[in-house]
Amino acid sequence: MRLLSLLLLAVAGLGTWGVLRAQKPFREYEAIEYENFPLPSDYQEKHEWTRARLKCPGINRGFRSSLNWTMDYPRSDRHLLQGVRRLTRIDTRSVSSRSHSA
């Protein structure tokens, strides 16, 4: 019983740490195609849902291969979020988040 309590406490602690670690301020990244795409006026407001883009290491080594994850970024992300907002009742964030991959 005591081992189970310690295990649950450890899982709760790790979960709390993960949630707090994930709360980072919005930041725009360099992109391959679009350099001066304007930010929406409500990009800092809190919303119910957002889209995330995963950053993966490039397979091919070449010119700007580290930026392959930004193909059609941020234009496609913002258009998708705009469509979700317009066609559903979901209050979407007008800019996407980005997550790291190993």
PDB file of N, CA and C in Angstrom:
ATOM      1  N   MET A   1       0.821  -1.200   0.000  1.00  0.00           N
ATOM      2  CA  MET A   1       0.000   0.000   0.000  1.00  0.00           C
ATOM      3  C   MET A   1       0.860   1.256   0.000  1.00  0.00           C
ATOM      4  N   ARG A   2       1.930   1.216   0.812  1.00  0.00           N
ATOM      5  CA  ARG A   2       2.813   2.379   0.875  1.00  0.00           C
ATOM      6  C   ARG A   2       3.569   2.563  -0.442  1.00  0.00           C
ATOM      7  N   LEU A   3       3.952   1.458  -1.077  1.00  0.00           N
ATOM      8  CA  LEU A   3       4.654   1.523  -2.357  1.00  0.00           C
ATOM      9  C   LEU A   3       3.746   2.124  -3.434  1.00  0.00           C
ATOM     10  N   LEU A   4       2.478   1.732  -3.409  1.00  0.00           N
ATOM     11  CA  LEU A   4       1.521   2.274  -4.368  1.00  0.00           C
ATOM     12  C   LEU A   4       1.341   3.782  -4.164  1.00  0.00           C
ATOM     13  N   SER A   5       1.281   4.220  -2.922  1.00  0.00           N
ATOM     14  CA  SER A   5       1.152   5.651  -2.627  1.00  0.00           C
ATOM     15  C   SER A   5       2.369   6.423  -3.119  1.00  0.00           C
ATOM     16  N   LEU A   6       3.556   5.882  -2.906  1.00  0.00           N
ATOM     17  CA  LEU A   6       4.781   6.531  -3.385  1.00  0.00           C
ATOM     18  C   LEU A   6       4.822   6.578  -4.907  1.00  0.00           C
ATOM     19  N   LEU A   7       4.375   5.508  -5.539  1.00  0.00           N
ATOM     20  CA  LEU A   7       4.354   5.464  -6.995  1.00  0.00           C
ATOM     21  C   LEU A   7       3.373   6.509  -7.552  1.00  0.00           C
ATOM     22  N   LEU A   8       2.184   6.596  -6.963  1.00  0.00           N
ATOM     23  CA  LEU A   8       1.205   7.599  -7.402  1.00  0.00           C
ATOM     24  C   LEU A   8       1.706   9.020  -7.184  1.00  0.00           C
ATOM     25  N   LEU A   9       2.382   9.252  -6.077  1.00  0.00           N
ATOM     26  CA  LEU A   9       2.951  10.566  -5.801  1.00  0.00           C
ATOM     27  C   LEU A   9       4.036  10.921  -6.817  1.00  0.00           C
ATOM     28  N   ALA A  10       4.869   9.952  -7.174  1.00  0.00           N
ATOM     29  CA  ALA A  10       5.918  10.187  -8.170  1.00  0.00           C
ATOM     30  C   ALA A  10       5.313  10.486  -9.544  1.00  0.00           C
ATOM     31  N   VAL A  11       4.289   9.738  -9.918  1.00  0.00           N
ATOM     32  CA  VAL A  11       3.633   9.975 -11.213  1.00  0.00           C
ATOM     33  C   VAL A  11       2.972  11.350 -11.232  1.00  0.00           C
ATOM     34  N   ALA A  12       2.313  11.718 -10.152  1.00  0.00           N
ATOM     35  CA  ALA A  12       1.674  13.040 -10.073  1.00  0.00           C
ATOM     36  C   ALA A  12       2.722  14.147 -10.128  1.00  0.00           C
ATOM     37  N   GLY A  13       3.844  13.956  -9.452  1.00  0.00           N
ATOM     38  CA  GLY A  13       4.919  14.944  -9.479  1.00  0.00           C
ATOM     39  C   GLY A  13       5.506  15.108 -10.866  1.00  0.00           C
ATOM     40  N   LEU A  14       5.748  13.994 -11.559  1.00  0.00           N
ATOM     41  CA  LEU A  14       6.281  14.065 -12.923  1.00  0.00           C
ATOM     42  C   LEU A  14       5.274  14.699 -13.875  1.00  0.00           C
ATOM     43  N   GLY A  15       3.993  14.386 -13.700  1.00  0.00           N
ATOM     44  CA  GLY A  15       2.961  14.992 -14.547  1.00  0.00           C
ATOM     45  C   GLY A  15       2.886  16.499 -14.354  1.00  0.00           C
ATOM     46  N   THR A  16       2.938  16.938 -13.104  1.00  0.00           N
ATOM     47  CA  THR A  16       2.916  18.376 -12.812  1.00  0.00           C
ATOM     48  C   THR A  16       4.139  19.068 -13.399  1.00  0.00           C
ATOM     49  N   TRP A  17       5.299  18.457 -13.238  1.00  0.00           N
ATOM     50  CA  TRP A  17       6.529  19.020 -13.800  1.00  0.00           C
ATOM     51  C   TRP A  17       6.413  19.128 -15.321  1.00  0.00           C
ATOM     52  N   GLY A  18       5.856  18.105 -15.979  1.00  0.00           N
ATOM     53  CA  GLY A  18       5.705  18.130 -17.433  1.00  0.00           C
ATOM     54  C   GLY A  18       4.779  19.232 -17.911  1.00  0.00           C
ATOM     55  N   VAL A  19       3.675  19.419 -17.207  1.00  0.00           N
ATOM     56  CA  VAL A  19       2.723  20.469 -17.582  1.00  0.00           C
ATOM     57  C   VAL A  19       3.356  21.849 -17.415  1.00  0.00           C
ATOM     58  N   LEU A  20       4.045  22.053 -16.317  1.00  0.00           N
ATOM     59  CA  LEU A  20       4.682  23.357 -16.094  1.00  0.00           C
ATOM     60  C   LEU A  20       5.822  23.602 -17.069  1.00  0.00           C
ATOM     61  N   ARG A  21       6.543  22.572 -17.425  1.00  0.00           N
ATOM     62  CA  ARG A  21       7.666  22.695 -18.371  1.00  0.00           C
ATOM     63  C   ARG A  21       7.165  23.022 -19.773  1.00  0.00           C
ATOM     64  N   ALA A  22       5.968  22.569 -20.118  1.00  0.00           N
ATOM     65  CA  ALA A  22       5.425  22.781 -21.459  1.00  0.00           C
ATOM     66  C   ALA A  22       4.885  24.192 -21.660  1.00  0.00           C
ATOM     67  N   GLN A  23       4.695  24.943 -20.608  1.00  0.00           N
ATOM     68  CA  GLN A  23       4.129  26.284 -20.705  1.00  0.00           C
ATOM     69  C   GLN A  23       5.216  27.290 -21.073  1.00  0.00           C
ATOM     70  N   LYS A  24       5.464  27.436 -22.359  1.00  0.00           N
ATOM     71  CA  LYS A  24       6.480  28.374 -22.832  1.00  0.00           C
ATOM     72  C   LYS A  24       5.809  29.490 -23.620  1.00  0.00           C
ATOM     73  N   PRO A  25       6.400  30.673 -23.626  1.00  0.00           N
ATOM     74  CA  PRO A  25       5.799  31.778 -24.393  1.00  0.00           C
ATOM     75  C   PRO A  25       5.887  31.518 -25.896  1.00  0.00           C
ATOM     76  N   PHE A  26       4.986  32.137 -26.639  1.00  0.00           N
ATOM     77  CA  PHE A  26       4.961  31.986 -28.088  1.00  0.00           C
ATOM     78  C   PHE A  26       6.221  32.576 -28.701  1.00  0.00           C
ATOM     79  N   ARG A  27       6.718  31.919 -29.730  1.00  0.00           N
ATOM     80  CA  ARG A  27       7.905  32.376 -30.445  1.00  0.00           C
ATOM     81  C   ARG A  27       7.777  31.968 -31.909  1.00  0.00           C
ATOM     82  N   GLU A  28       8.077  32.877 -32.807  1.00  0.00           N
ATOM     83  CA  GLU A  28       8.087  32.540 -34.231  1.00  0.00           C
ATOM     84  C   GLU A  28       9.472  32.068 -34.622  1.00  0.00           C
ATOM     85  N   TYR A  29       9.522  31.131 -35.562  1.00  0.00           N
ATOM     86  CA  TYR A  29      10.785  30.563 -36.015  1.00  0.00           C
ATOM     87  C   TYR A  29      11.038  30.912 -37.474  1.00  0.00           C
ATOM     88  N   GLU A  30      12.295  30.846 -37.871  1.00  0.00           N
ATOM     89  CA  GLU A  30      12.668  31.077 -39.263  1.00  0.00           C
ATOM     90  C   GLU A  30      12.018  30.007 -40.131  1.00  0.00           C
ATOM     91  N   ALA A  31      11.561  30.389 -41.312  1.00  0.00           N
ATOM     92  CA  ALA A  31      10.888  29.446 -42.196  1.00  0.00           C
ATOM     93  C   ALA A  31      11.540  29.451 -43.570  1.00  0.00           C
ATOM     94  N   ILE A  32      11.293  28.382 -44.326  1.00  0.00           N
ATOM     95  CA  ILE A  32      11.851  28.267 -45.676  1.00  0.00           C
ATOM     96  C   ILE A  32      11.139  29.213 -46.638  1.00  0.00           C
ATOM     97  N   GLU A  33       9.800  29.222 -46.604  1.00  0.00           N
ATOM     98  CA  GLU A  33       9.032  29.933 -47.625  1.00  0.00           C
ATOM     99  C   GLU A  33       8.604  31.340 -47.236  1.00  0.00           C
ATOM    100  N   TYR A  34       8.120  31.526 -46.021  1.00  0.00           N
ATOM    101  CA  TYR A  34       7.525  32.804 -45.642  1.00  0.00           C
ATOM    102  C   TYR A  34       8.371  33.472 -44.570  1.00  0.00           C
ATOM    103  N   GLU A  35       8.845  34.671 -44.845  1.00  0.00           N
ATOM    104  CA  GLU A  35       9.691  35.368 -43.882  1.00  0.00           C
ATOM    105  C   GLU A  35       8.954  36.489 -43.153  1.00  0.00           C
ATOM    106  N   ASN A  36       8.055  37.156 -43.805  1.00  0.00           N
ATOM    107  CA  ASN A  36       7.361  38.296 -43.196  1.00  0.00           C
ATOM    108  C   ASN A  36       5.857  38.060 -43.168  1.00  0.00           C
ATOM    109  N   PHE A  37       5.430  36.942 -42.618  1.00  0.00           N
ATOM    110  CA  PHE A  37       4.000  36.645 -42.511  1.00  0.00           C
ATOM    111  C   PHE A  37       3.494  37.315 -41.245  1.00  0.00           C
ATOM    112  N   PRO A  38       2.481  38.194 -41.343  1.00  0.00           N
ATOM    113  CA  PRO A  38       2.048  38.979 -40.175  1.00  0.00           C
ATOM    114  C   PRO A  38       1.411  38.118 -39.085  1.00  0.00           C
ATOM    115  N   LEU A  39       1.654  38.503 -37.834  1.00  0.00           N
ATOM    116  CA  LEU A  39       1.038  37.839 -36.691  1.00  0.00           C
ATOM    117  C   LEU A  39      -0.400  38.329 -36.526  1.00  0.00           C
ATOM    118  N   PRO A  40      -1.337  37.425 -36.218  1.00  0.00           N
ATOM    119  CA  PRO A  40      -2.706  37.864 -35.931  1.00  0.00           C
ATOM    120  C   PRO A  40      -2.734  38.709 -34.655  1.00  0.00           C
ATOM    121  N   SER A  41      -3.731  39.541 -34.529  1.00  0.00           N
ATOM    122  CA  SER A  41      -3.793  40.446 -33.380  1.00  0.00           C
ATOM    123  C   SER A  41      -4.073  39.717 -32.068  1.00  0.00           C
ATOM    124  N   ASP A  42      -4.671  38.540 -32.119  1.00  0.00           N
ATOM    125  CA  ASP A  42      -5.026  37.830 -30.888  1.00  0.00           C
ATOM    126  C   ASP A  42      -4.074  36.679 -30.552  1.00  0.00           C
ATOM    127  N   TYR A  43      -2.844  36.719 -31.018  1.00  0.00           N
ATOM    128  CA  TYR A  43      -1.941  35.582 -30.837  1.00  0.00           C
ATOM    129  C   TYR A  43      -1.542  35.340 -29.387  1.00  0.00           C
ATOM    130  N   GLN A  44      -1.682  36.311 -28.491  1.00  0.00           N
ATOM    131  CA  GLN A  44      -1.298  36.128 -27.095  1.00  0.00           C
ATOM    132  C   GLN A  44      -2.474  35.789 -26.178  1.00  0.00           C
ATOM    133  N   GLU A  45      -3.677  35.772 -26.709  1.00  0.00           N
ATOM    134  CA  GLU A  45      -4.846  35.466 -25.889  1.00  0.00           C
ATOM    135  C   GLU A  45      -4.941  33.973 -25.608  1.00  0.00           C
ATOM    136  N   LYS A  46      -5.611  33.627 -24.523  1.00  0.00           N
ATOM    137  CA  LYS A  46      -5.815  32.223 -24.162  1.00  0.00           C
ATOM    138  C   LYS A  46      -7.004  31.672 -24.927  1.00  0.00           C
ATOM    139  N   HIS A  47      -6.875  30.414 -25.393  1.00  0.00           N
ATOM    140  CA  HIS A  47      -7.917  29.754 -26.166  1.00  0.00           C
ATOM    141  C   HIS A  47      -8.052  28.308 -25.711  1.00  0.00           C
ATOM    142  N   GLU A  48      -9.092  27.621 -26.208  1.00  0.00           N
ATOM    143  CA  GLU A  48      -9.358  26.244 -25.821  1.00  0.00           C
ATOM    144  C   GLU A  48      -8.408  25.249 -26.487  1.00  0.00           C
ATOM    145  N   TRP A  49      -7.987  25.509 -27.724  1.00  0.00           N
ATOM    146  CA  TRP A  49      -7.269  24.502 -28.502  1.00  0.00           C
ATOM    147  C   TRP A  49      -6.247  25.175 -29.407  1.00  0.00           C
ATOM    148  N   THR A  50      -5.167  24.478 -29.669  1.00  0.00           N
ATOM    149  CA  THR A  50      -4.183  24.951 -30.637  1.00  0.00           C
ATOM    150  C   THR A  50      -3.625  23.770 -31.412  1.00  0.00           C
ATOM    151  N   ARG A  51      -2.978  24.049 -32.484  1.00  0.00           N
ATOM    152  CA  ARG A  51      -2.322  23.043 -33.305  1.00  0.00           C
ATOM    153  C   ARG A  51      -0.842  23.084 -32.972  1.00  0.00           C
ATOM    154  N   ALA A  52      -0.200  21.933 -33.007  1.00  0.00           N
ATOM    155  CA  ALA A  52       1.240  21.868 -32.754  1.00  0.00           C
ATOM    156  C   ALA A  52       1.946  21.302 -33.970  1.00  0.00           C
ATOM    157  N   ARG A  53       3.141  21.786 -34.220  1.00  0.00           N
ATOM    158  CA  ARG A  53       3.975  21.288 -35.313  1.00  0.00           C
ATOM    159  C   ARG A  53       5.213  20.684 -34.683  1.00  0.00           C
ATOM    160  N   LEU A  54       5.523  19.441 -35.036  1.00  0.00           N
ATOM    161  CA  LEU A  54       6.691  18.768 -34.481  1.00  0.00           C
ATOM    162  C   LEU A  54       7.930  19.090 -35.298  1.00  0.00           C
ATOM    163  N   LYS A  55       9.028  19.337 -34.620  1.00  0.00           N
ATOM    164  CA  LYS A  55      10.297  19.584 -35.289  1.00  0.00           C
ATOM    165  C   LYS A  55      11.073  18.273 -35.313  1.00  0.00           C
ATOM    166  N   CYS A  56      11.316  17.776 -36.504  1.00  0.00           N
ATOM    167  CA  CYS A  56      12.052  16.520 -36.672  1.00  0.00           C
ATOM    168  C   CYS A  56      13.364  16.801 -37.384  1.00  0.00           C
ATOM    169  N   PRO A  57      14.413  16.045 -37.063  1.00  0.00           N
ATOM    170  CA  PRO A  57      15.682  16.242 -37.771  1.00  0.00           C
ATOM    171  C   PRO A  57      15.524  15.885 -39.242  1.00  0.00           C
ATOM    172  N   GLY A  58      16.211  16.623 -40.105  1.00  0.00           N
ATOM    173  CA  GLY A  58      16.128  16.389 -41.536  1.00  0.00           C
ATOM    174  C   GLY A  58      16.793  15.084 -41.950  1.00  0.00           C
ATOM    175  N   ILE A  59      16.205  14.390 -42.929  1.00  0.00           N
ATOM    176  CA  ILE A  59      16.769  13.133 -43.427  1.00  0.00           C
ATOM    177  C   ILE A  59      17.920  13.424 -44.375  1.00  0.00           C
ATOM    178  N   ASN A  60      17.695  14.356 -45.281  1.00  0.00           N
ATOM    179  CA  ASN A  60      18.742  14.688 -46.243  1.00  0.00           C
ATOM    180  C   ASN A  60      19.591  15.839 -45.719  1.00  0.00           C
ATOM    181  N   ARG A  61      20.858  15.744 -45.959  1.00  0.00           N
ATOM    182  CA  ARG A  61      21.776  16.804 -45.546  1.00  0.00           C
ATOM    183  C   ARG A  61      22.014  17.713 -46.748  1.00  0.00           C
ATOM    184  N   GLY A  62      21.666  18.953 -46.607  1.00  0.00           N
ATOM    185  CA  GLY A  62      21.834  19.866 -47.724  1.00  0.00           C
ATOM    186  C   GLY A  62      21.532  21.269 -47.293  1.00  0.00           C
ATOM    187  N   PHE A  63      21.290  22.098 -48.262  1.00  0.00           N
ATOM    188  CA  PHE A  63      21.015  23.506 -48.009  1.00  0.00           C
ATOM    189  C   PHE A  63      19.772  23.659 -47.155  1.00  0.00           C
ATOM    190  N   ARG A  64      19.931  24.252 -45.986  1.00  0.00           N
ATOM    191  CA  ARG A  64      18.833  24.555 -45.066  1.00  0.00           C
ATOM    192  C   ARG A  64      18.020  23.325 -44.682  1.00  0.00           C
ATOM    193  N   SER A  65      18.658  22.150 -44.593  1.00  0.00           N
ATOM    194  CA  SER A  65      17.914  20.935 -44.248  1.00  0.00           C
ATOM    195  C   SER A  65      17.355  20.986 -42.830  1.00  0.00           C
ATOM    196  N   SER A  66      17.952  21.805 -41.965  1.00  0.00           N
ATOM    197  CA  SER A  66      17.433  21.907 -40.608  1.00  0.00           C
ATOM    198  C   SER A  66      16.106  22.663 -40.559  1.00  0.00           C
ATOM    199  N   LEU A  67      15.726  23.293 -41.659  1.00  0.00           N
ATOM    200  CA  LEU A  67      14.472  24.046 -41.701  1.00  0.00           C
ATOM    201  C   LEU A  67      13.360  23.300 -42.438  1.00  0.00           C
ATOM    202  N   ASN A  68      13.577  22.024 -42.769  1.00  0.00           N
ATOM    203  CA  ASN A  68      12.560  21.279 -43.518  1.00  0.00           C
ATOM    204  C   ASN A  68      11.232  21.190 -42.773  1.00  0.00           C
ATOM    205  N   TRP A  69      11.255  21.225 -41.465  1.00  0.00           N
ATOM    206  CA  TRP A  69      10.010  21.143 -40.692  1.00  0.00           C
ATOM    207  C   TRP A  69       9.158  22.398 -40.862  1.00  0.00           C
ATOM    208  N   THR A  70       9.750  23.475 -41.413  1.00  0.00           N
ATOM    209  CA  THR A  70       9.007  24.722 -41.578  1.00  0.00           C
ATOM    210  C   THR A  70       8.383  24.859 -42.963  1.00  0.00           C
ATOM    211  N   MET A  71       8.346  23.781 -43.737  1.00  0.00           N
ATOM    212  CA  MET A  71       7.726  23.843 -45.061  1.00  0.00           C
ATOM    213  C   MET A  71       6.284  24.318 -44.896  1.00  0.00           C
ATOM    214  N   ASP A  72       5.905  25.334 -45.593  1.00  0.00           N
ATOM    215  CA  ASP A  72       4.601  26.008 -45.588  1.00  0.00           C
ATOM    216  C   ASP A  72       4.221  26.604 -44.228  1.00  0.00           C
ATOM    217  N   TYR A  73       5.186  26.794 -43.346  1.00  0.00           N
ATOM    218  CA  TYR A  73       4.983  27.427 -42.035  1.00  0.00           C
ATOM    219  C   TYR A  73       5.165  28.929 -42.197  1.00  0.00           C
ATOM    220  N   PRO A  74       4.422  29.752 -41.583  1.00  0.00           N
ATOM    221  CA  PRO A  74       3.278  29.579 -40.695  1.00  0.00           C
ATOM    222  C   PRO A  74       1.935  29.691 -41.404  1.00  0.00           C
ATOM    223  N   ARG A  75       1.973  29.905 -42.705  1.00  0.00           N
ATOM    224  CA  ARG A  75       0.738  30.166 -43.452  1.00  0.00           C
ATOM    225  C   ARG A  75      -0.275  29.027 -43.343  1.00  0.00           C
ATOM    226  N   SER A  76       0.160  27.788 -43.564  1.00  0.00           N
ATOM    227  CA  SER A  76      -0.785  26.675 -43.538  1.00  0.00           C
ATOM    228  C   SER A  76      -1.353  26.453 -42.142  1.00  0.00           C
ATOM    229  N   ASP A  77      -0.530  26.630 -41.117  1.00  0.00           N
ATOM    230  CA  ASP A  77      -1.006  26.458 -39.742  1.00  0.00           C
ATOM    231  C   ASP A  77      -2.116  27.449 -39.432  1.00  0.00           C
ATOM    232  N   ARG A  78      -1.917  28.690 -39.804  1.00  0.00           N
ATOM    233  CA  ARG A  78      -2.898  29.732 -39.500  1.00  0.00           C
ATOM    234  C   ARG A  78      -4.171  29.567 -40.312  1.00  0.00           C
ATOM    235  N   HIS A  79      -4.041  29.099 -41.553  1.00  0.00           N
ATOM    236  CA  HIS A  79      -5.234  28.850 -42.361  1.00  0.00           C
ATOM    237  C   HIS A  79      -6.042  27.688 -41.797  1.00  0.00           C
ATOM    238  N   LEU A  80      -5.374  26.622 -41.352  1.00  0.00           N
ATOM    239  CA  LEU A  80      -6.080  25.492 -40.750  1.00  0.00           C
ATOM    240  C   LEU A  80      -6.812  25.927 -39.481  1.00  0.00           C
ATOM    241  N   LEU A  81      -6.135  26.676 -38.618  1.00  0.00           N
ATOM    242  CA  LEU A  81      -6.756  27.127 -37.375  1.00  0.00           C
ATOM    243  C   LEU A  81      -7.934  28.057 -37.644  1.00  0.00           C
ATOM    244  N   GLN A  82      -7.809  28.873 -38.664  1.00  0.00           N
ATOM    245  CA  GLN A  82      -8.905  29.772 -39.051  1.00  0.00           C
ATOM    246  C   GLN A  82     -10.112  28.966 -39.526  1.00  0.00           C
ATOM    247  N   GLY A  83      -9.856  27.906 -40.289  1.00  0.00           N
ATOM    248  CA  GLY A  83     -10.938  27.048 -40.767  1.00  0.00           C
ATOM    249  C   GLY A  83     -11.618  26.294 -39.642  1.00  0.00           C
ATOM    250  N   VAL A  84     -10.840  25.778 -38.696  1.00  0.00           N
ATOM    251  CA  VAL A  84     -11.419  25.082 -37.547  1.00  0.00           C
ATOM    252  C   VAL A  84     -12.295  26.036 -36.755  1.00  0.00           C
ATOM    253  N   ARG A  85     -11.832  27.243 -36.559  1.00  0.00           N
ATOM    254  CA  ARG A  85     -12.613  28.247 -35.820  1.00  0.00           C
ATOM    255  C   ARG A  85     -13.912  28.584 -36.549  1.00  0.00           C
ATOM    256  N   ARG A  86     -13.830  28.691 -37.866  1.00  0.00           N
ATOM    257  CA  ARG A  86     -14.997  29.092 -38.649  1.00  0.00           C
ATOM    258  C   ARG A  86     -16.026  27.962 -38.780  1.00  0.00           C
ATOM    259  N   LEU A  87     -15.565  26.711 -38.908  1.00  0.00           N
ATOM    260  CA  LEU A  87     -16.466  25.601 -39.193  1.00  0.00           C
ATOM    261  C   LEU A  87     -16.923  24.826 -37.958  1.00  0.00           C
ATOM    262  N   THR A  88     -16.363  25.109 -36.796  1.00  0.00           N
ATOM    263  CA  THR A  88     -16.755  24.429 -35.560  1.00  0.00           C
ATOM    264  C   THR A  88     -17.023  25.469 -34.479  1.00  0.00           C
ATOM    265  N   ARG A  89     -17.323  24.998 -33.300  1.00  0.00           N
ATOM    266  CA  ARG A  89     -17.511  25.887 -32.154  1.00  0.00           C
ATOM    267  C   ARG A  89     -16.269  25.924 -31.280  1.00  0.00           C
ATOM    268  N   ILE A  90     -15.171  25.361 -31.763  1.00  0.00           N
ATOM    269  CA  ILE A  90     -13.930  25.318 -30.991  1.00  0.00           C
ATOM    270  C   ILE A  90     -13.242  26.682 -31.052  1.00  0.00           C
ATOM    271  N   ASP A  91     -12.862  27.190 -29.906  1.00  0.00           N
ATOM    272  CA  ASP A  91     -12.139  28.465 -29.831  1.00  0.00           C
ATOM    273  C   ASP A  91     -10.650  28.171 -30.011  1.00  0.00           C
ATOM    274  N   THR A  92     -10.174  28.254 -31.250  1.00  0.00           N
ATOM    275  CA  THR A  92      -8.790  27.895 -31.549  1.00  0.00           C
ATOM    276  C   THR A  92      -7.866  29.095 -31.390  1.00  0.00           C
ATOM    277  N   ARG A  93      -6.632  28.812 -31.033  1.00  0.00           N
ATOM    278  CA  ARG A  93      -5.588  29.833 -30.988  1.00  0.00           C
ATOM    279  C   ARG A  93      -5.215  30.152 -32.432  1.00  0.00           C
ATOM    280  N   SER A  94      -4.956  31.389 -32.738  1.00  0.00           N
ATOM    281  CA  SER A  94      -4.719  31.786 -34.123  1.00  0.00           C
ATOM    282  C   SER A  94      -3.302  31.509 -34.608  1.00  0.00           C
ATOM    283  N   VAL A  95      -2.415  31.066 -33.716  1.00  0.00           N
ATOM    284  CA  VAL A  95      -1.061  30.665 -34.109  1.00  0.00           C
ATOM    285  C   VAL A  95      -0.789  29.284 -33.541  1.00  0.00           C
ATOM    286  N   SER A  96       0.093  28.527 -34.196  1.00  0.00           N
ATOM    287  CA  SER A  96       0.373  27.177 -33.740  1.00  0.00           C
ATOM    288  C   SER A  96       1.550  27.154 -32.764  1.00  0.00           C
ATOM    289  N   SER A  97       1.625  26.067 -32.041  1.00  0.00           N
ATOM    290  CA  SER A  97       2.757  25.834 -31.143  1.00  0.00           C
ATOM    291  C   SER A  97       3.739  24.915 -31.861  1.00  0.00           C
ATOM    292  N   ARG A  98       4.930  24.806 -31.309  1.00  0.00           N
ATOM    293  CA  ARG A  98       5.910  23.914 -31.910  1.00  0.00           C
ATOM    294  C   ARG A  98       6.494  23.055 -30.802  1.00  0.00           C
ATOM    295  N   SER A  99       6.657  21.773 -31.101  1.00  0.00           N
ATOM    296  CA  SER A  99       7.228  20.830 -30.142  1.00  0.00           C
ATOM    297  C   SER A  99       8.481  20.219 -30.724  1.00  0.00           C
ATOM    298  N   HIS A 100       9.401  19.853 -29.852  1.00  0.00           N
ATOM    299  CA  HIS A 100      10.648  19.227 -30.288  1.00  0.00           C
ATOM    300  C   HIS A 100      10.474  17.732 -30.397  1.00  0.00           C
ATOM    301  N   SER A 101      11.193  17.138 -31.308  1.00  0.00           N
ATOM    302  CA  SER A 101      11.305  15.702 -31.420  1.00  0.00           C
ATOM    303  C   SER A 101      12.778  15.361 -31.314  1.00  0.00           C
ATOM    304  N   ALA A 102      13.086  14.157 -30.924  1.00  0.00           N
ATOM    305  CA  ALA A 102      14.498  13.762 -30.720  1.00  0.00           C
ATOM    306  C   ALA A 102      15.287  13.769 -31.995  1.00  0.00           C
TER     307      ALA A 102
END
